[in-house]
Structure formats: structure tokens, C-alpha cells
């Protein structure tokens, strides 16, 4: 005889931090008076800036209006074209060695801009989530270095490689990328 009670349902898994489809993994501070070094954080999937910006820039138009320019640190990304087609127009993309390495700056119409902390693509998901949430917290004034090192576990005694996924740990131990 069957029981009149509903069958036991397994507890739901926590929501994934991965947005649907190829939507950018992005968190921005609330729109208020600017504070701190960054306006939010972005966790790209690769080091191919042109491919990553194709998904990111349309989302940022909500905050900035039409995007005019993106600047980045040359040593952190694969080489890219100086102009990137976005919808029916192009955006100027400029790399500088002097720019803070773990940031991109996106400038919109009227010189309104957002400075985004770039979470390394190879960062483990839970750690990337913590970094992004800290960077987007209202009033956060932590430096880029503080956001990355504190949240990556360096201040808690975790070795630098421990926050990378296992494949990246092996790659870094074998010599890694040229810096």
C-alpha cells in the first residue's frame, strides 16, 4: 500500500555562480557615489580579450550607455585588435603596460567609466565568487591587490597555487606563462 505522503525530495543544490549561456560573469557595485579602486569585478572564461569583450560590453551599456573605449594591461591578455566590432559599430581597445595588471577600464559616452577587477580565468569558482562579491560590495575601498590576495587565501596562509584549478597548478609548476 502506498503512503499518502509526498515522496522524500533531495535538498536542492546551491545555485550555481555560472550565469546562463555565455553571459559574462560580472558583479558591479550599486550605482552610487564612486568609492574604492574598482567599480566591480569580472571573471572572464579565457585570456582572449576580444572574445570576452563581445559578451561583456553589451551588458555594460546598461550602466554606461554606448561604450567608446576599453583599456587593459598588455601583459595579462593575448594580443588583440585595436578596434573591436560590437553590434553595428566598433569600440577602441588599447593596451598599456602601465595599467594596473588585474583591471580593465571601460569608458562610455561622456567619459563615464567603470574600472573592473579581473579575476583570473583559472581561479576556482568558489574563490572567484568570493572575490567578485567583495569587489562589488557597496563602499568597498580595498585595493586590487588586497581584493585578490585576501580572497585568494594568501592572508590565511594558503599557498599561491592552491587557488588555481589542478590543471593550472601543474602548468604553473612546469613554468607557466611568460610574464
C-alpha atoms as a PDB file:
ATOM      1  CA  UNK A   1       0.000   0.000   0.000  1.00  0.00           C
ATOM      2  CA  UNK A   2       1.351   3.397  -0.829  1.00  0.00           C
ATOM      3  CA  UNK A   3       1.741   6.187   1.654  1.00  0.00           C
ATOM      4  CA  UNK A   4      -0.381   9.344   1.291  1.00  0.00           C
ATOM      5  CA  UNK A   5       2.734  11.448   1.975  1.00  0.00           C
ATOM      6  CA  UNK A   6       4.760  13.053  -0.773  1.00  0.00           C
ATOM      7  CA  UNK A   7       7.969  11.221  -1.649  1.00  0.00           C
ATOM      8  CA  UNK A   8      11.159  12.436   0.008  1.00  0.00           C
ATOM      9  CA  UNK A   9      12.826  15.119  -2.121  1.00  0.00           C
ATOM     10  CA  UNK A  10      16.569  15.552  -2.026  1.00  0.00           C
ATOM     11  CA  UNK A  11      17.698  19.014  -0.874  1.00  0.00           C
ATOM     12  CA  UNK A  12      18.391  21.429  -3.684  1.00  0.00           C
ATOM     13  CA  UNK A  13      21.997  22.096  -4.558  1.00  0.00           C
ATOM     14  CA  UNK A  14      23.168  25.682  -4.032  1.00  0.00           C
ATOM     15  CA  UNK A  15      22.611  27.888  -7.055  1.00  0.00           C
ATOM     16  CA  UNK A  16      25.481  27.877  -9.497  1.00  0.00           C
ATOM     17  CA  UNK A  17      27.557  31.032  -9.803  1.00  0.00           C
ATOM     18  CA  UNK A  18      27.690  30.398 -13.526  1.00  0.00           C
ATOM     19  CA  UNK A  19      25.256  32.679 -15.398  1.00  0.00           C
ATOM     20  CA  UNK A  20      23.132  31.107 -18.130  1.00  0.00           C
ATOM     21  CA  UNK A  21      24.581  30.714 -21.614  1.00  0.00           C
ATOM     22  CA  UNK A  22      27.665  32.784 -22.313  1.00  0.00           C
ATOM     23  CA  UNK A  23      26.554  35.753 -20.199  1.00  0.00           C
ATOM     24  CA  UNK A  24      29.532  37.481 -18.581  1.00  0.00           C
ATOM     25  CA  UNK A  25      30.397  36.623 -15.003  1.00  0.00           C
ATOM     26  CA  UNK A  26      30.152  40.154 -13.676  1.00  0.00           C
ATOM     27  CA  UNK A  27      29.275  41.925 -10.422  1.00  0.00           C
ATOM     28  CA  UNK A  28      29.053  45.721 -10.164  1.00  0.00           C
ATOM     29  CA  UNK A  29      28.793  47.959  -7.132  1.00  0.00           C
ATOM     30  CA  UNK A  30      25.403  49.624  -6.739  1.00  0.00           C
ATOM     31  CA  UNK A  31      25.072  52.897  -8.636  1.00  0.00           C
ATOM     32  CA  UNK A  32      26.056  55.440  -6.001  1.00  0.00           C
ATOM     33  CA  UNK A  33      28.937  57.818  -5.439  1.00  0.00           C
ATOM     34  CA  UNK A  34      32.134  56.058  -6.523  1.00  0.00           C
ATOM     35  CA  UNK A  35      34.273  54.529  -3.766  1.00  0.00           C
ATOM     36  CA  UNK A  36      37.433  52.462  -3.808  1.00  0.00           C
ATOM     37  CA  UNK A  37      39.723  51.315  -6.565  1.00  0.00           C
ATOM     38  CA  UNK A  38      37.237  49.264  -8.607  1.00  0.00           C
ATOM     39  CA  UNK A  39      33.579  49.502  -9.572  1.00  0.00           C
ATOM     40  CA  UNK A  40      33.064  45.762  -9.563  1.00  0.00           C
ATOM     41  CA  UNK A  41      34.618  42.529 -10.773  1.00  0.00           C
ATOM     42  CA  UNK A  42      34.593  40.445 -13.932  1.00  0.00           C
ATOM     43  CA  UNK A  43      35.610  36.792 -14.208  1.00  0.00           C
ATOM     44  CA  UNK A  44      36.378  36.085 -17.882  1.00  0.00           C
ATOM     45  CA  UNK A  45      36.461  32.498 -19.137  1.00  0.00           C
ATOM     46  CA  UNK A  46      39.698  32.935 -21.168  1.00  0.00           C
ATOM     47  CA  UNK A  47      42.599  35.338 -21.795  1.00  0.00           C
ATOM     48  CA  UNK A  48      41.190  36.166 -25.260  1.00  0.00           C
ATOM     49  CA  UNK A  49      40.097  39.756 -24.642  1.00  0.00           C
ATOM     50  CA  UNK A  50      38.327  40.240 -27.978  1.00  0.00           C
ATOM     51  CA  UNK A  51      36.149  37.159 -27.446  1.00  0.00           C
ATOM     52  CA  UNK A  52      35.409  38.048 -23.828  1.00  0.00           C
ATOM     53  CA  UNK A  53      34.517  41.688 -24.569  1.00  0.00           C
ATOM     54  CA  UNK A  54      31.968  40.610 -27.156  1.00  0.00           C
ATOM     55  CA  UNK A  55      29.766  39.291 -24.330  1.00  0.00           C
ATOM     56  CA  UNK A  56      30.751  41.878 -21.692  1.00  0.00           C
ATOM     57  CA  UNK A  57      30.295  45.205 -23.482  1.00  0.00           C
ATOM     58  CA  UNK A  58      26.586  44.895 -24.344  1.00  0.00           C
ATOM     59  CA  UNK A  59      25.855  44.272 -20.652  1.00  0.00           C
ATOM     60  CA  UNK A  60      27.847  47.339 -19.590  1.00  0.00           C
ATOM     61  CA  UNK A  61      25.854  49.614 -21.914  1.00  0.00           C
ATOM     62  CA  UNK A  62      23.074  49.445 -19.327  1.00  0.00           C
ATOM     63  CA  UNK A  63      25.307  51.382 -16.925  1.00  0.00           C
ATOM     64  CA  UNK A  64      27.489  53.389 -19.322  1.00  0.00           C
ATOM     65  CA  UNK A  65      25.384  53.940 -22.406  1.00  0.00           C
ATOM     66  CA  UNK A  66      27.350  53.476 -25.599  1.00  0.00           C
ATOM     67  CA  UNK A  67      30.824  52.044 -24.860  1.00  0.00           C
ATOM     68  CA  UNK A  68      33.587  54.038 -26.557  1.00  0.00           C
ATOM     69  CA  UNK A  69      36.860  52.582 -25.242  1.00  0.00           C
ATOM     70  CA  UNK A  70      38.405  49.718 -23.272  1.00  0.00           C
ATOM     71  CA  UNK A  71      41.901  49.826 -21.770  1.00  0.00           C
ATOM     72  CA  UNK A  72      43.801  46.870 -20.343  1.00  0.00           C
ATOM     73  CA  UNK A  73      47.249  45.717 -19.244  1.00  0.00           C
ATOM     74  CA  UNK A  74      49.185  44.267 -22.201  1.00  0.00           C
ATOM     75  CA  UNK A  75      50.855  41.521 -20.188  1.00  0.00           C
ATOM     76  CA  UNK A  76      47.605  39.982 -18.954  1.00  0.00           C
ATOM     77  CA  UNK A  77      45.840  39.266 -22.248  1.00  0.00           C
ATOM     78  CA  UNK A  78      46.506  37.669 -25.610  1.00  0.00           C
ATOM     79  CA  UNK A  79      47.233  40.195 -28.383  1.00  0.00           C
ATOM     80  CA  UNK A  80      44.055  41.796 -29.723  1.00  0.00           C
ATOM     81  CA  UNK A  81      42.943  44.153 -32.470  1.00  0.00           C
ATOM     82  CA  UNK A  82      42.837  47.881 -31.719  1.00  0.00           C
ATOM     83  CA  UNK A  83      39.162  48.098 -32.710  1.00  0.00           C
ATOM     84  CA  UNK A  84      36.513  45.583 -31.777  1.00  0.00           C
ATOM     85  CA  UNK A  85      33.217  45.324 -33.652  1.00  0.00           C
ATOM     86  CA  UNK A  86      30.288  45.428 -31.241  1.00  0.00           C
ATOM     87  CA  UNK A  87      26.895  45.235 -32.925  1.00  0.00           C
ATOM     88  CA  UNK A  88      26.876  47.858 -35.699  1.00  0.00           C
ATOM     89  CA  UNK A  89      29.867  49.920 -34.564  1.00  0.00           C
ATOM     90  CA  UNK A  90      33.390  49.484 -33.204  1.00  0.00           C
ATOM     91  CA  UNK A  91      34.990  50.101 -29.822  1.00  0.00           C
ATOM     92  CA  UNK A  92      38.576  51.291 -29.369  1.00  0.00           C
ATOM     93  CA  UNK A  93      40.663  48.721 -27.435  1.00  0.00           C
ATOM     94  CA  UNK A  94      44.013  49.895 -26.065  1.00  0.00           C
ATOM     95  CA  UNK A  95      46.633  48.046 -24.082  1.00  0.00           C
ATOM     96  CA  UNK A  96      49.138  49.669 -21.748  1.00  0.00           C
ATOM     97  CA  UNK A  97      51.981  48.216 -19.723  1.00  0.00           C
ATOM     98  CA  UNK A  98      51.416  50.865 -17.028  1.00  0.00           C
ATOM     99  CA  UNK A  99      47.773  49.959 -16.354  1.00  0.00           C
ATOM    100  CA  UNK A 100      47.073  48.020 -13.158  1.00  0.00           C
ATOM    101  CA  UNK A 101      47.544  44.387 -14.300  1.00  0.00           C
ATOM    102  CA  UNK A 102      44.321  42.889 -12.944  1.00  0.00           C
ATOM    103  CA  UNK A 103      41.939  45.554 -14.244  1.00  0.00           C
ATOM    104  CA  UNK A 104      40.152  46.691 -17.373  1.00  0.00           C
ATOM    105  CA  UNK A 105      38.700  50.167 -17.742  1.00  0.00           C
ATOM    106  CA  UNK A 106      35.573  50.587 -19.834  1.00  0.00           C
ATOM    107  CA  UNK A 107      34.691  54.135 -20.885  1.00  0.00           C
ATOM    108  CA  UNK A 108      31.276  55.132 -22.126  1.00  0.00           C
ATOM    109  CA  UNK A 109      29.766  58.197 -23.679  1.00  0.00           C
ATOM    110  CA  UNK A 110      30.555  61.405 -21.769  1.00  0.00           C
ATOM    111  CA  UNK A 111      33.747  59.839 -20.327  1.00  0.00           C
ATOM    112  CA  UNK A 112      31.771  57.892 -17.751  1.00  0.00           C
ATOM    113  CA  UNK A 113      33.871  54.865 -16.841  1.00  0.00           C
ATOM    114  CA  UNK A 114      33.987  51.628 -14.913  1.00  0.00           C
ATOM    115  CA  UNK A 115      37.160  50.065 -13.570  1.00  0.00           C
ATOM    116  CA  UNK A 116      36.680  46.320 -13.246  1.00  0.00           C
ATOM    117  CA  UNK A 117      38.814  43.952 -11.240  1.00  0.00           C
ATOM    118  CA  UNK A 118      39.666  41.000 -13.474  1.00  0.00           C
ATOM    119  CA  UNK A 119      39.515  37.704 -11.624  1.00  0.00           C
ATOM    120  CA  UNK A 120      41.962  35.331 -13.354  1.00  0.00           C
ATOM    121  CA  UNK A 121      40.043  32.884 -15.581  1.00  0.00           C
ATOM    122  CA  UNK A 122      41.795  29.916 -13.974  1.00  0.00           C
ATOM    123  CA  UNK A 123      40.542  30.766 -10.468  1.00  0.00           C
ATOM    124  CA  UNK A 124      38.412  28.139  -8.756  1.00  0.00           C
ATOM    125  CA  UNK A 125      34.681  29.019  -8.874  1.00  0.00           C
ATOM    126  CA  UNK A 126      34.072  29.413  -5.125  1.00  0.00           C
ATOM    127  CA  UNK A 127      37.075  31.701  -4.733  1.00  0.00           C
ATOM    128  CA  UNK A 128      36.151  33.708  -7.843  1.00  0.00           C
ATOM    129  CA  UNK A 129      32.659  34.174  -6.414  1.00  0.00           C
ATOM    130  CA  UNK A 130      34.056  35.492  -3.112  1.00  0.00           C
ATOM    131  CA  UNK A 131      36.365  37.927  -4.898  1.00  0.00           C
ATOM    132  CA  UNK A 132      33.572  39.222  -7.116  1.00  0.00           C
ATOM    133  CA  UNK A 133      31.182  39.694  -4.221  1.00  0.00           C
ATOM    134  CA  UNK A 134      33.820  41.560  -2.178  1.00  0.00           C
ATOM    135  CA  UNK A 135      34.729  43.855  -5.094  1.00  0.00           C
ATOM    136  CA  UNK A 136      31.060  44.698  -5.737  1.00  0.00           C
ATOM    137  CA  UNK A 137      30.160  45.335  -2.106  1.00  0.00           C
ATOM    138  CA  UNK A 138      28.780  48.839  -1.521  1.00  0.00           C
ATOM    139  CA  UNK A 139      31.512  51.090  -0.119  1.00  0.00           C
ATOM    140  CA  UNK A 140      34.343  48.606  -0.666  1.00  0.00           C
ATOM    141  CA  UNK A 141      37.603  50.562  -0.851  1.00  0.00           C
ATOM    142  CA  UNK A 142      40.061  47.642  -0.972  1.00  0.00           C
ATOM    143  CA  UNK A 143      42.902  47.838  -3.469  1.00  0.00           C
ATOM    144  CA  UNK A 144      43.104  45.410  -6.368  1.00  0.00           C
ATOM    145  CA  UNK A 145      45.944  43.570  -4.640  1.00  0.00           C
ATOM    146  CA  UNK A 146      44.026  43.329  -1.374  1.00  0.00           C
ATOM    147  CA  UNK A 147      40.909  42.014  -3.085  1.00  0.00           C
ATOM    148  CA  UNK A 148      42.853  39.309  -4.879  1.00  0.00           C
ATOM    149  CA  UNK A 149      45.246  38.240  -2.128  1.00  0.00           C
ATOM    150  CA  UNK A 150      42.842  38.278   0.799  1.00  0.00           C
ATOM    151  CA  UNK A 151      40.160  36.464  -1.120  1.00  0.00           C
ATOM    152  CA  UNK A 152      42.577  34.064  -2.768  1.00  0.00           C
ATOM    153  CA  UNK A 153      43.651  32.918   0.663  1.00  0.00           C
ATOM    154  CA  UNK A 154      47.174  34.331   0.743  1.00  0.00           C
ATOM    155  CA  UNK A 155      46.494  36.103   4.025  1.00  0.00           C
ATOM    156  CA  UNK A 156      45.156  32.875   5.546  1.00  0.00           C
ATOM    157  CA  UNK A 157      48.381  31.024   4.801  1.00  0.00           C
ATOM    158  CA  UNK A 158      47.198  29.304   1.618  1.00  0.00           C
ATOM    159  CA  UNK A 159      49.908  28.983  -0.990  1.00  0.00           C
ATOM    160  CA  UNK A 160      49.560  30.963  -4.206  1.00  0.00           C
ATOM    161  CA  UNK A 161      48.969  27.884  -6.358  1.00  0.00           C
ATOM    162  CA  UNK A 162      46.229  26.462  -4.155  1.00  0.00           C
ATOM    163  CA  UNK A 163      43.568  28.803  -5.529  1.00  0.00           C
ATOM    164  CA  UNK A 164      44.185  27.660  -9.106  1.00  0.00           C
ATOM    165  CA  UNK A 165      42.394  24.683 -10.563  1.00  0.00           C
ATOM    166  CA  UNK A 166      44.565  21.498 -10.641  1.00  0.00           C
ATOM    167  CA  UNK A 167      45.430  21.739 -14.353  1.00  0.00           C
ATOM    168  CA  UNK A 168      46.634  25.328 -13.917  1.00  0.00           C
ATOM    169  CA  UNK A 169      48.666  24.310 -10.847  1.00  0.00           C
ATOM    170  CA  UNK A 170      50.547  21.764 -12.983  1.00  0.00           C
ATOM    171  CA  UNK A 171      51.056  24.310 -15.756  1.00  0.00           C
ATOM    172  CA  UNK A 172      52.388  26.966 -13.368  1.00  0.00           C
ATOM    173  CA  UNK A 173      54.729  24.445 -11.725  1.00  0.00           C
ATOM    174  CA  UNK A 174      56.059  23.471 -15.159  1.00  0.00           C
ATOM    175  CA  UNK A 175      56.958  27.093 -15.950  1.00  0.00           C
ATOM    176  CA  UNK A 176      53.599  28.718 -16.653  1.00  0.00           C
ATOM    177  CA  UNK A 177      53.130  31.725 -18.904  1.00  0.00           C
ATOM    178  CA  UNK A 178      55.765  34.325 -19.523  1.00  0.00           C
ATOM    179  CA  UNK A 179      55.208  37.484 -17.509  1.00  0.00           C
END
